[in-house]
């Protein structure tokens, strides 16, 4: 980011102390009287609640989940969101510019990630990637059923008939979501949409579980009386690895067209890899992972990750406005009619009727920092992730995951913003995450790999700096591993 942006002190606490947490919990008010008043409430929030909150956005050393920060521009804009409290639901050009700002922000998002705004006609902000996945799969459900019906010379749509009746008319018994290493939100979306957790079917490559096995995928697409949504993990959440290359996407587009499938990409944080310089060899493998994403039907992303705006903010991009309108249109509500214009009313293209003006912080970041600012931020994050991975790779105590075959491409070249690893000593490995977080200097997530405990760094804060952060991380890792030898 720009040099004018002040960075909070490097010693800013990442986690509150146990005593601060205990004090806050014991001080929570559970009765309405006596009322504290405004001044008393300010005091309560500032001196009791705030010290017991974690520093996930304010600190560059919070590496849990994939939690971005909030830049100064985004924080300023978010305060405006609250001050002006716009309900961005209907395009009312004579009353507010809010929907025009949202449309402009989505234009800028498309330009940033090199997707033609004129082709991606169904675009909206959501609460996050989970909501965006629900939106994208809802469109996919509508599309695959109507396509199956058309191939049987009939007409069916879920929005009018309901799921079971539409499937019956279309002559299908099953809708399957074919994917590799799916994020849990994909199964949640399947449940919400009435498809069920079991509709998510793993067609991954046995030798590289993050990758799609195209042969297994095509076999699944040939299942009789089944319609299919292909869901691609664009940077898998545990390893940060990408499910496809550009060549795979071309093949997937061909298969989707041949079998009437919908091609959805879960790019919660992987989407921004598209902005990396194409002429930089160090990013070649990452660029392959996001090549040809323009061939997808829908893409889900999180803005409160690498776009570094406050919670909550997600993005849905789709090339099929007609499908999105069919799914999300508010029928029979004349009071919601919008003025005619080029901006679709958001309530007719997404789940929510009541919506926070979450587009404004995204717009502010893109206007404030531009492409060069976002590239610089992402390169810093990748540099720190690769610095951590390099230390782990050279360590006799830790092992970088997933393991790669001897003589294969340098494992560091595939590191995006996620670093997955474990302690070789099983006793240490069982308590590794707890010990790291107990230092309260950095925070990491616990997960599993191949059925065993593993630890994960997720580097996504705009303040990330190799110079000020890597030494602290290494010091913590060496402290928690002291006395543990390779086993």
Protein backbone atom coordinates (compact mmCIF):
# COMPACT_ATOMS: atom_id res chain seq x y z
CA UNK A 1 0.00 0.00 0.00
CA UNK A 2 0.98 3.67 -0.14
CA UNK A 3 3.71 4.91 2.16
CA UNK A 4 1.28 7.44 3.63
CA UNK A 5 -0.70 4.61 5.21
CA UNK A 6 0.31 4.36 8.86
CA UNK A 7 0.88 0.85 10.14
CA UNK A 8 -0.15 0.00 13.70
CA UNK A 9 2.69 -0.84 16.10
CA UNK A 10 4.28 -4.22 15.43
CA UNK A 11 3.79 -5.21 19.06
CA UNK A 12 0.01 -4.78 18.87
CA UNK A 13 -1.52 -7.76 20.73
CA UNK A 14 -2.84 -10.51 18.49
CA UNK A 15 -4.89 -12.17 21.23
CA UNK A 16 -6.22 -10.74 24.50
CA UNK A 17 -4.84 -12.13 27.72
CA UNK A 18 -6.78 -14.73 29.66
CA UNK A 19 -7.31 -12.20 32.46
CA UNK A 20 -8.81 -9.71 29.97
CA UNK A 21 -11.13 -12.40 28.64
CA UNK A 22 -12.18 -13.41 32.16
CA UNK A 23 -12.80 -9.82 33.16
CA UNK A 24 -14.90 -9.10 30.08
CA UNK A 25 -17.02 -12.24 30.51
CA UNK A 26 -17.62 -11.54 34.18
CA UNK A 27 -18.51 -7.92 33.39
CA UNK A 28 -21.05 -8.60 30.65
CA UNK A 29 -24.38 -7.06 31.57
CA UNK A 30 -27.28 -9.51 31.48
CA UNK A 31 -29.97 -7.22 32.88
CA UNK A 32 -31.39 -4.12 31.21
CA UNK A 33 -31.44 -2.06 34.40
CA UNK A 34 -29.88 0.06 35.60
CA UNK A 35 -29.14 1.52 32.17
CA UNK A 36 -25.60 2.83 31.72
CA UNK A 37 -26.44 5.70 29.41
CA UNK A 38 -24.28 6.71 26.47
CA UNK A 39 -21.18 7.79 28.41
CA UNK A 40 -21.30 4.74 30.63
CA UNK A 41 -21.72 2.45 27.64
CA UNK A 42 -18.74 4.06 25.92
CA UNK A 43 -16.68 3.40 29.02
CA UNK A 44 -17.91 -0.22 29.22
CA UNK A 45 -17.19 -0.96 25.56
CA UNK A 46 -13.82 0.80 25.50
CA UNK A 47 -12.33 -0.48 28.73
CA UNK A 48 -14.02 -3.87 29.17
CA UNK A 49 -15.12 -5.27 25.82
CA UNK A 50 -12.47 -3.90 23.44
CA UNK A 51 -9.43 -5.26 25.35
CA UNK A 52 -10.98 -8.74 25.17
CA UNK A 53 -11.35 -8.75 21.37
CA UNK A 54 -8.69 -10.33 19.20
CA UNK A 55 -6.57 -8.31 16.79
CA UNK A 56 -7.52 -10.23 13.65
CA UNK A 57 -7.91 -7.11 11.52
CA UNK A 58 -5.54 -4.73 13.28
CA UNK A 59 -2.54 -7.05 13.52
CA UNK A 60 -0.46 -8.46 10.68
CA UNK A 61 0.27 -11.52 12.85
CA UNK A 62 -3.19 -13.02 12.98
CA UNK A 63 -2.88 -16.04 10.67
CA UNK A 64 -6.02 -17.97 11.57
CA UNK A 65 -8.75 -18.86 9.08
CA UNK A 66 -8.19 -16.55 6.07
CA UNK A 67 -8.92 -13.22 7.68
CA UNK A 68 -7.91 -10.05 5.91
CA UNK A 69 -7.62 -6.70 7.61
CA UNK A 70 -9.27 -3.39 6.89
CA UNK A 71 -7.20 -0.71 5.18
CA UNK A 72 -7.46 2.95 6.24
CA UNK A 73 -9.54 3.67 3.12
CA UNK A 74 -11.89 0.78 3.87
CA UNK A 75 -12.26 1.79 7.53
CA UNK A 76 -13.11 5.36 6.51
CA UNK A 77 -15.66 4.12 3.99
CA UNK A 78 -17.16 1.66 6.47
CA UNK A 79 -17.80 4.49 8.90
CA UNK A 80 -19.68 6.26 6.11
CA UNK A 81 -21.69 3.09 5.58
CA UNK A 82 -22.88 3.30 9.18
CA UNK A 83 -23.28 7.08 9.18
CA UNK A 84 -25.48 7.12 6.07
CA UNK A 85 -27.08 3.68 6.67
CA UNK A 86 -28.24 3.09 3.11
CA UNK A 87 -30.41 0.06 2.40
CA UNK A 88 -29.02 -0.89 -0.99
CA UNK A 89 -31.86 -3.03 -2.27
CA UNK A 90 -33.62 -1.17 -5.08
CA UNK A 91 -32.06 0.94 -7.83
CA UNK A 92 -33.52 4.40 -7.16
CA UNK A 93 -31.38 6.79 -9.23
CA UNK A 94 -33.42 9.87 -8.26
CA UNK A 95 -33.03 9.19 -4.55
CA UNK A 96 -29.51 7.84 -3.94
CA UNK A 97 -26.31 7.02 -5.77
CA UNK A 98 -25.75 3.89 -3.65
CA UNK A 99 -26.65 1.30 -6.30
CA UNK A 100 -24.56 3.15 -8.88
CA UNK A 101 -21.58 2.99 -6.49
CA UNK A 102 -22.18 -0.74 -6.09
CA UNK A 103 -22.30 -1.22 -9.86
CA UNK A 104 -19.10 0.81 -10.27
CA UNK A 105 -17.37 -1.19 -7.53
CA UNK A 106 -18.29 -4.44 -9.29
CA UNK A 107 -16.99 -3.03 -12.58
CA UNK A 108 -13.69 -2.28 -10.85
CA UNK A 109 -13.56 -5.76 -9.29
CA UNK A 110 -13.99 -7.32 -12.74
CA UNK A 111 -11.30 -5.08 -14.20
CA UNK A 112 -8.91 -5.87 -11.36
CA UNK A 113 -9.18 -9.63 -11.90
CA UNK A 114 -9.29 -9.29 -15.69
CA UNK A 115 -12.86 -10.39 -16.30
CA UNK A 116 -14.86 -8.43 -18.88
CA UNK A 117 -17.64 -6.56 -17.00
CA UNK A 118 -19.84 -6.76 -20.11
CA UNK A 119 -19.74 -10.56 -20.01
CA UNK A 120 -20.23 -10.92 -16.25
CA UNK A 121 -23.73 -9.49 -16.15
CA UNK A 122 -24.94 -11.05 -12.89
CA UNK A 123 -22.82 -9.44 -10.19
CA UNK A 124 -23.63 -8.74 -6.58
CA UNK A 125 -22.14 -8.32 -3.13
CA UNK A 126 -23.04 -10.88 -0.49
CA UNK A 127 -22.20 -11.52 3.16
CA UNK A 128 -19.26 -13.73 2.22
CA UNK A 129 -18.10 -16.67 0.12
CA UNK A 130 -20.58 -19.04 1.80
CA UNK A 131 -23.47 -16.86 0.68
CA UNK A 132 -21.84 -16.44 -2.73
CA UNK A 133 -21.56 -20.22 -3.06
CA UNK A 134 -25.25 -20.54 -2.19
CA UNK A 135 -26.07 -17.93 -4.83
CA UNK A 136 -23.88 -19.60 -7.44
CA UNK A 137 -25.16 -23.12 -6.76
CA UNK A 138 -28.76 -21.88 -6.74
CA UNK A 139 -28.19 -20.54 -10.23
CA UNK A 140 -26.51 -23.80 -11.17
CA UNK A 141 -29.44 -25.82 -9.84
CA UNK A 142 -31.85 -23.73 -11.93
CA UNK A 143 -29.71 -23.99 -15.03
CA UNK A 144 -29.05 -27.75 -15.00
CA UNK A 145 -32.71 -28.59 -14.42
CA UNK A 146 -33.95 -26.28 -17.17
CA UNK A 147 -31.24 -27.59 -19.51
CA UNK A 148 -32.20 -31.21 -18.79
CA UNK A 149 -35.85 -30.34 -19.42
CA UNK A 150 -35.01 -28.63 -22.72
CA UNK A 151 -33.13 -31.72 -23.87
CA UNK A 152 -36.31 -33.68 -23.20
CA UNK A 153 -38.34 -31.14 -25.20
CA UNK A 154 -40.11 -29.81 -22.13
CA UNK A 155 -39.78 -26.87 -19.76
CA UNK A 156 -39.08 -26.87 -16.04
CA UNK A 157 -37.71 -24.39 -13.54
CA UNK A 158 -37.23 -24.59 -9.78
CA UNK A 159 -38.30 -20.99 -9.21
CA UNK A 160 -41.83 -21.75 -10.39
CA UNK A 161 -42.40 -25.46 -9.80
CA UNK A 162 -40.17 -26.17 -6.81
CA UNK A 163 -37.26 -28.59 -6.73
CA UNK A 164 -39.02 -31.95 -6.76
CA UNK A 165 -41.63 -31.07 -9.37
CA UNK A 166 -39.04 -29.43 -11.63
CA UNK A 167 -36.78 -32.49 -11.44
CA UNK A 168 -39.71 -34.76 -12.21
CA UNK A 169 -40.68 -32.74 -15.27
CA UNK A 170 -37.04 -32.60 -16.40
CA UNK A 171 -36.73 -36.36 -16.11
CA UNK A 172 -33.88 -36.40 -13.59
CA UNK A 173 -33.58 -38.12 -10.22
CA UNK A 174 -30.38 -36.57 -8.91
CA UNK A 175 -28.38 -33.35 -8.90
CA UNK A 176 -24.72 -33.92 -8.09
CA UNK A 177 -22.02 -31.42 -7.22
CA UNK A 178 -18.72 -32.77 -8.56
CA UNK A 179 -15.61 -31.36 -6.95
CA UNK A 180 -12.24 -31.95 -5.32
CA UNK A 181 -11.21 -31.03 -1.75
CA UNK A 182 -14.41 -29.05 -1.20
CA UNK A 183 -14.67 -26.34 1.43
CA UNK A 184 -17.25 -27.13 4.10
CA UNK A 185 -19.39 -24.21 2.88
CA UNK A 186 -20.05 -26.11 -0.33
CA UNK A 187 -21.80 -28.87 1.60
CA UNK A 188 -23.62 -26.24 3.64
CA UNK A 189 -24.83 -24.61 0.42
CA UNK A 190 -25.97 -28.00 -0.88
CA UNK A 191 -27.98 -28.54 2.31
CA UNK A 192 -29.58 -25.08 2.20
CA UNK A 193 -30.57 -25.60 -1.44
CA UNK A 194 -32.26 -28.92 -0.77
CA UNK A 195 -29.63 -30.97 -2.58
CA UNK A 196 -28.13 -32.46 0.58
CA UNK A 197 -24.59 -32.92 1.84
CA UNK A 198 -24.32 -36.23 -0.02
CA UNK A 199 -24.84 -34.51 -3.37
CA UNK A 200 -21.25 -33.22 -3.04
CA UNK A 201 -19.15 -35.95 -4.65
CA UNK A 202 -15.38 -36.08 -4.59
CA UNK A 203 -13.82 -36.70 -8.00
CA UNK A 204 -10.29 -35.78 -7.00
CA UNK A 205 -7.04 -37.16 -8.32
CA UNK A 206 -5.89 -39.85 -5.83
CA UNK A 207 -2.27 -38.72 -6.23
CA UNK A 208 -3.10 -35.03 -5.71
CA UNK A 209 -6.39 -34.66 -3.80
CA UNK A 210 -6.64 -30.93 -4.46
CA UNK A 211 -6.83 -31.59 -8.22
CA UNK A 212 -9.84 -32.73 -10.23
CA UNK A 213 -9.54 -36.10 -11.93
CA UNK A 214 -10.99 -35.24 -15.33
CA UNK A 215 -11.58 -38.86 -16.30
CA UNK A 216 -13.48 -39.59 -13.08
CA UNK A 217 -15.37 -36.35 -13.57
CA UNK A 218 -16.52 -37.30 -17.06
CA UNK A 219 -17.59 -40.73 -15.85
CA UNK A 220 -19.71 -39.03 -13.17
CA UNK A 221 -21.20 -36.64 -15.72
CA UNK A 222 -22.45 -39.67 -17.65
CA UNK A 223 -24.56 -40.88 -14.71
CA UNK A 224 -28.06 -41.63 -16.01
CA UNK A 225 -30.92 -39.33 -15.00
CA UNK A 226 -28.50 -37.02 -13.17
CA UNK A 227 -27.76 -33.31 -13.65
CA UNK A 228 -24.40 -31.94 -12.57
CA UNK A 229 -22.77 -28.84 -11.14
CA UNK A 230 -18.96 -28.82 -11.38
CA UNK A 231 -17.45 -26.93 -8.43
CA UNK A 232 -13.80 -25.94 -8.66
CA UNK A 233 -11.66 -25.10 -5.60
CA UNK A 234 -9.64 -22.07 -6.62
CA UNK A 235 -7.03 -22.29 -3.85
CA UNK A 236 -8.07 -25.08 -1.52
CA UNK A 237 -8.54 -23.86 2.03
CA UNK A 238 -6.08 -26.17 3.83
CA UNK A 239 -3.20 -26.26 1.37
CA UNK A 240 -3.82 -23.16 -0.73
CA UNK A 241 -3.33 -25.26 -3.88
CA UNK A 242 -5.39 -24.84 -7.03
CA UNK A 243 -7.65 -27.54 -8.50
CA UNK A 244 -7.09 -26.69 -12.17
CA UNK A 245 -4.83 -25.18 -14.79
CA UNK A 246 -5.91 -23.21 -17.83
CA UNK A 247 -5.86 -26.37 -19.95
CA UNK A 248 -8.10 -28.09 -17.42
CA UNK A 249 -10.57 -25.20 -17.58
CA UNK A 250 -10.82 -25.51 -21.35
CA UNK A 251 -11.57 -29.21 -20.96
CA UNK A 252 -14.05 -28.54 -18.15
CA UNK A 253 -15.89 -25.98 -20.26
CA UNK A 254 -16.18 -28.54 -23.08
CA UNK A 255 -17.50 -31.19 -20.69
CA UNK A 256 -19.97 -28.77 -19.10
CA UNK A 257 -21.37 -27.81 -22.49
CA UNK A 258 -21.55 -31.42 -23.62
CA UNK A 259 -23.39 -32.66 -20.53
CA UNK A 260 -25.43 -29.56 -19.67
CA UNK A 261 -23.50 -28.89 -16.46
CA UNK A 262 -22.92 -25.61 -14.63
CA UNK A 263 -19.30 -24.61 -13.93
CA UNK A 264 -18.92 -22.90 -10.56
CA UNK A 265 -15.63 -21.69 -9.03
CA UNK A 266 -15.16 -21.30 -5.28
CA UNK A 267 -12.44 -18.64 -5.36
CA UNK A 268 -12.87 -17.29 -1.84
CA UNK A 269 -9.27 -16.10 -1.78
CA UNK A 270 -7.76 -17.63 -4.91
CA UNK A 271 -9.33 -15.13 -7.31
CA UNK A 272 -6.75 -12.42 -6.63
CA UNK A 273 -3.94 -14.63 -7.92
CA UNK A 274 -5.09 -13.38 -11.34
CA UNK A 275 -3.55 -9.96 -10.61
CA UNK A 276 -0.01 -11.30 -10.18
CA UNK A 277 2.47 -10.25 -12.90
CA UNK A 278 2.48 -12.74 -15.76
CA UNK A 279 6.14 -12.09 -16.55
CA UNK A 280 7.36 -13.12 -13.08
CA UNK A 281 8.59 -16.76 -13.09
CA UNK A 282 8.10 -17.05 -9.32
CA UNK A 283 4.34 -16.81 -9.83
CA UNK A 284 4.03 -19.05 -12.89
CA UNK A 285 2.46 -21.97 -11.04
CA UNK A 286 -0.02 -19.71 -9.27
CA UNK A 287 -1.02 -18.04 -12.53
CA UNK A 288 -1.70 -21.47 -14.05
CA UNK A 289 -4.14 -22.12 -11.23
CA UNK A 290 -6.33 -19.15 -12.16
CA UNK A 291 -5.88 -19.23 -15.91
CA UNK A 292 -9.07 -19.32 -18.00
CA UNK A 293 -11.42 -18.70 -15.07
CA UNK A 294 -13.40 -16.58 -17.52
CA UNK A 295 -14.78 -19.87 -18.87
CA UNK A 296 -16.73 -20.51 -15.66
CA UNK A 297 -20.45 -19.83 -15.29
CA UNK A 298 -20.16 -18.38 -11.77
CA UNK A 299 -17.41 -17.39 -9.35
CA UNK A 300 -17.66 -16.89 -5.58
CA UNK A 301 -15.15 -14.74 -3.70
CA UNK A 302 -14.61 -13.11 -0.31
CA UNK A 303 -13.84 -9.41 -0.15
CA UNK A 304 -13.14 -9.56 3.59
CA UNK A 305 -10.16 -11.75 2.79
CA UNK A 306 -7.59 -10.47 0.27
CA UNK A 307 -9.60 -7.39 -0.71
CA UNK A 308 -9.04 -6.29 2.91
CA UNK A 309 -12.38 -4.71 3.72
CA UNK A 310 -14.30 -5.16 7.01
CA UNK A 311 -16.63 -8.08 7.64
CA UNK A 312 -18.95 -8.91 6.10
CA UNK A 313 -18.46 -8.80 2.36
CA UNK A 314 -18.48 -11.43 -0.38
CA UNK A 315 -18.76 -11.29 -4.15
CA UNK A 316 -20.71 -13.32 -6.70
CA UNK A 317 -19.89 -13.03 -10.38
CA UNK A 318 -21.94 -14.88 -13.00
CA UNK A 319 -22.28 -14.68 -16.76
CA UNK A 320 -26.03 -15.43 -16.66
CA UNK A 321 -28.18 -12.52 -15.48
CA UNK A 322 -31.31 -14.20 -16.83
CA UNK A 323 -30.75 -17.24 -14.64
CA UNK A 324 -29.97 -15.11 -11.59
CA UNK A 325 -33.11 -13.02 -12.09
CA UNK A 326 -35.23 -16.16 -12.48
CA UNK A 327 -33.94 -17.48 -9.16
CA UNK A 328 -33.93 -14.32 -7.05
CA UNK A 329 -36.67 -12.10 -8.54
CA UNK A 330 -39.16 -10.73 -6.00
CA UNK A 331 -42.52 -11.67 -7.56
CA UNK A 332 -45.69 -9.68 -7.00
CA UNK A 333 -44.16 -6.84 -4.99
CA UNK A 334 -45.03 -3.60 -6.84
CA UNK A 335 -43.62 -1.41 -4.07
CA UNK A 336 -40.18 -2.82 -4.88
CA UNK A 337 -40.29 -1.84 -8.54
CA UNK A 338 -37.17 0.04 -9.54
CA UNK A 339 -36.70 2.78 -12.05
CA UNK A 340 -35.68 1.49 -15.44
CA UNK A 341 -31.97 1.60 -16.00
CA UNK A 342 -28.79 -0.35 -16.52
CA UNK A 343 -28.36 -1.27 -12.84
CA UNK A 344 -30.39 -4.33 -11.74
CA UNK A 345 -31.97 -3.90 -8.33
CA UNK A 346 -29.80 -6.00 -6.01
CA UNK A 347 -32.80 -7.58 -4.28
CA UNK A 348 -33.73 -9.24 -7.59
CA UNK A 349 -30.33 -10.87 -8.17
CA UNK A 350 -29.37 -12.14 -4.72
CA UNK A 351 -30.71 -13.64 -1.51
CA UNK A 352 -31.15 -10.52 0.59
CA UNK A 353 -33.89 -7.94 0.39
CA UNK A 354 -32.31 -5.80 3.11
CA UNK A 355 -28.67 -5.10 2.41
CA UNK A 356 -25.89 -3.10 4.05
CA UNK A 357 -23.93 -0.76 1.76
CA UNK A 358 -20.97 -3.15 1.84
CA UNK A 359 -19.91 -2.09 -1.67
CA UNK A 360 -18.53 1.23 -0.43
CA UNK A 361 -15.38 -0.08 1.36
CA UNK A 362 -14.59 -2.21 -1.71
CA UNK A 363 -15.01 0.81 -3.95
CA UNK A 364 -12.83 2.90 -1.60
CA UNK A 365 -10.00 0.35 -1.62
CA UNK A 366 -9.98 -0.01 -5.38
CA UNK A 367 -10.05 3.76 -5.91
CA UNK A 368 -7.44 4.44 -3.21
CA UNK A 369 -4.86 1.78 -4.06
CA UNK A 370 -5.54 0.66 -7.63
CA UNK A 371 -4.01 -2.37 -9.27
CA UNK A 372 -0.45 -1.56 -8.19
CA UNK A 373 -1.47 -1.28 -4.54
CA UNK A 374 -3.23 -4.64 -4.57
CA UNK A 375 -0.36 -6.32 -6.41
CA UNK A 376 2.11 -4.94 -3.87
CA UNK A 377 -0.04 -6.12 -0.97
CA UNK A 378 -0.39 -9.63 -2.43
CA UNK A 379 3.31 -9.92 -3.24
CA UNK A 380 4.12 -9.07 0.39
CA UNK A 381 1.73 -11.76 1.59
CA UNK A 382 3.20 -14.38 -0.75
CA UNK A 383 6.73 -13.39 0.25
CA UNK A 384 5.95 -13.93 3.94
CA UNK A 385 4.17 -17.24 3.24
CA UNK A 386 7.17 -18.46 1.25
CA UNK A 387 9.55 -17.22 3.96
CA UNK A 388 7.70 -19.31 6.53
CA UNK A 389 7.57 -22.29 4.17
CA UNK A 390 11.33 -22.00 3.50
CA UNK A 391 12.08 -22.05 7.24
CA UNK A 392 9.85 -25.11 7.74
CA UNK A 393 11.38 -26.86 4.74
CA UNK A 394 14.86 -26.48 6.23
CA UNK A 395 13.77 -27.46 9.75
CA UNK A 396 14.53 -30.83 11.36
CA UNK A 397 11.49 -30.42 13.62
CA UNK A 398 8.74 -29.51 11.15
CA UNK A 399 7.56 -30.86 7.79
CA UNK A 400 5.97 -28.84 5.01
CA UNK A 401 2.69 -30.24 3.68
CA UNK A 402 1.45 -31.63 1.37
CA UNK A 403 4.56 -33.70 0.81
CA UNK A 404 5.96 -33.75 -2.71
CA UNK A 405 7.93 -36.39 -4.54
CA UNK A 406 11.69 -36.03 -4.62
CA UNK A 407 12.89 -34.23 -7.73
CA UNK A 408 9.55 -32.55 -8.44
CA UNK A 409 9.07 -28.81 -8.81
CA UNK A 410 10.28 -26.64 -5.92
CA UNK A 411 7.52 -26.80 -3.29
CA UNK A 412 7.92 -23.09 -2.57
CA UNK A 413 6.79 -22.19 -6.09
CA UNK A 414 3.31 -23.52 -5.34
CA UNK A 415 2.92 -21.59 -2.06
CA UNK A 416 0.29 -18.87 -2.39
CA UNK A 417 -0.82 -17.44 0.97
CA UNK A 418 -1.34 -20.69 2.88
CA UNK A 419 1.43 -22.60 4.67
CA UNK A 420 0.40 -26.06 5.89
CA UNK A 421 2.80 -28.01 8.09
CA UNK A 422 3.16 -30.38 11.02
CA UNK A 423 5.67 -31.28 13.71
CA UNK A 424 7.52 -34.50 12.97
CA UNK A 425 7.44 -35.44 16.65
CA UNK A 426 3.91 -36.77 17.22
CA UNK A 427 3.73 -35.56 20.83
CA UNK A 428 4.59 -32.03 19.78
CA UNK A 429 2.29 -32.25 16.79
CA UNK A 430 -0.72 -33.05 18.96
CA UNK A 431 -0.24 -29.81 20.92
CA UNK A 432 1.47 -27.63 18.32
CA UNK A 433 -1.37 -25.23 17.55
CA UNK A 434 -2.21 -24.78 21.22
CA UNK A 435 1.43 -24.01 22.08
CA UNK A 436 1.85 -21.52 19.24
CA UNK A 437 -1.31 -19.64 20.13
CA UNK A 438 -0.49 -19.72 23.85
CA UNK A 439 2.44 -17.37 23.13
CA UNK A 440 -0.21 -14.81 22.10
CA UNK A 441 2.39 -13.33 19.73
CA UNK A 442 0.90 -14.95 16.62
CA UNK A 443 -2.27 -16.89 15.92
CA UNK A 444 -2.64 -19.93 13.63
CA UNK A 445 -5.41 -22.38 12.74
CA UNK A 446 -5.48 -26.05 13.54
CA UNK A 447 -6.61 -28.48 10.87
CA UNK A 448 -6.01 -32.02 9.66
CA UNK A 449 -4.02 -33.48 6.79
CA UNK A 450 -4.21 -37.16 5.86
CA UNK A 451 -6.15 -37.73 9.06
CA UNK A 452 -3.43 -36.27 11.30
CA UNK A 453 -3.29 -32.92 13.14
CA UNK A 454 -1.72 -30.12 11.15
CA UNK A 455 -1.10 -26.40 11.53
CA UNK A 456 -1.87 -23.67 9.05
CA UNK A 457 -0.72 -20.11 8.48
CA UNK A 458 -3.04 -17.96 6.34
CA UNK A 459 -1.35 -14.70 5.30
CA UNK A 460 -3.97 -12.18 4.21
CA UNK A 461 -3.57 -8.88 6.08
CA UNK A 462 -2.66 -5.74 4.13
CA UNK A 463 0.00 -4.83 6.73
CA UNK A 464 2.00 -8.03 6.12
CA UNK A 465 5.75 -7.46 6.07
CA UNK A 466 8.55 -10.01 5.85
CA UNK A 467 10.89 -7.58 7.60
CA UNK A 468 8.80 -7.13 10.73
CA UNK A 469 6.87 -10.43 10.88
CA UNK A 470 9.09 -13.33 9.81
CA UNK A 471 11.57 -13.09 12.68
CA UNK A 472 8.73 -13.09 15.21
CA UNK A 473 7.17 -16.17 13.59
CA UNK A 474 10.47 -18.08 13.53
CA UNK A 475 11.14 -17.15 17.14
CA UNK A 476 7.74 -18.53 18.17
CA UNK A 477 8.25 -21.76 16.21
CA UNK A 478 11.68 -22.30 17.67
CA UNK A 479 10.43 -21.58 21.19
CA UNK A 480 7.54 -24.08 21.01
CA UNK A 481 9.76 -26.74 19.40
CA UNK A 482 12.62 -26.37 21.88
CA UNK A 483 13.62 -29.74 23.25
CA UNK A 484 11.75 -31.73 20.60
CA UNK A 485 13.96 -33.65 18.21
CA UNK A 486 13.06 -35.31 14.95
CA UNK A 487 11.27 -38.61 15.60
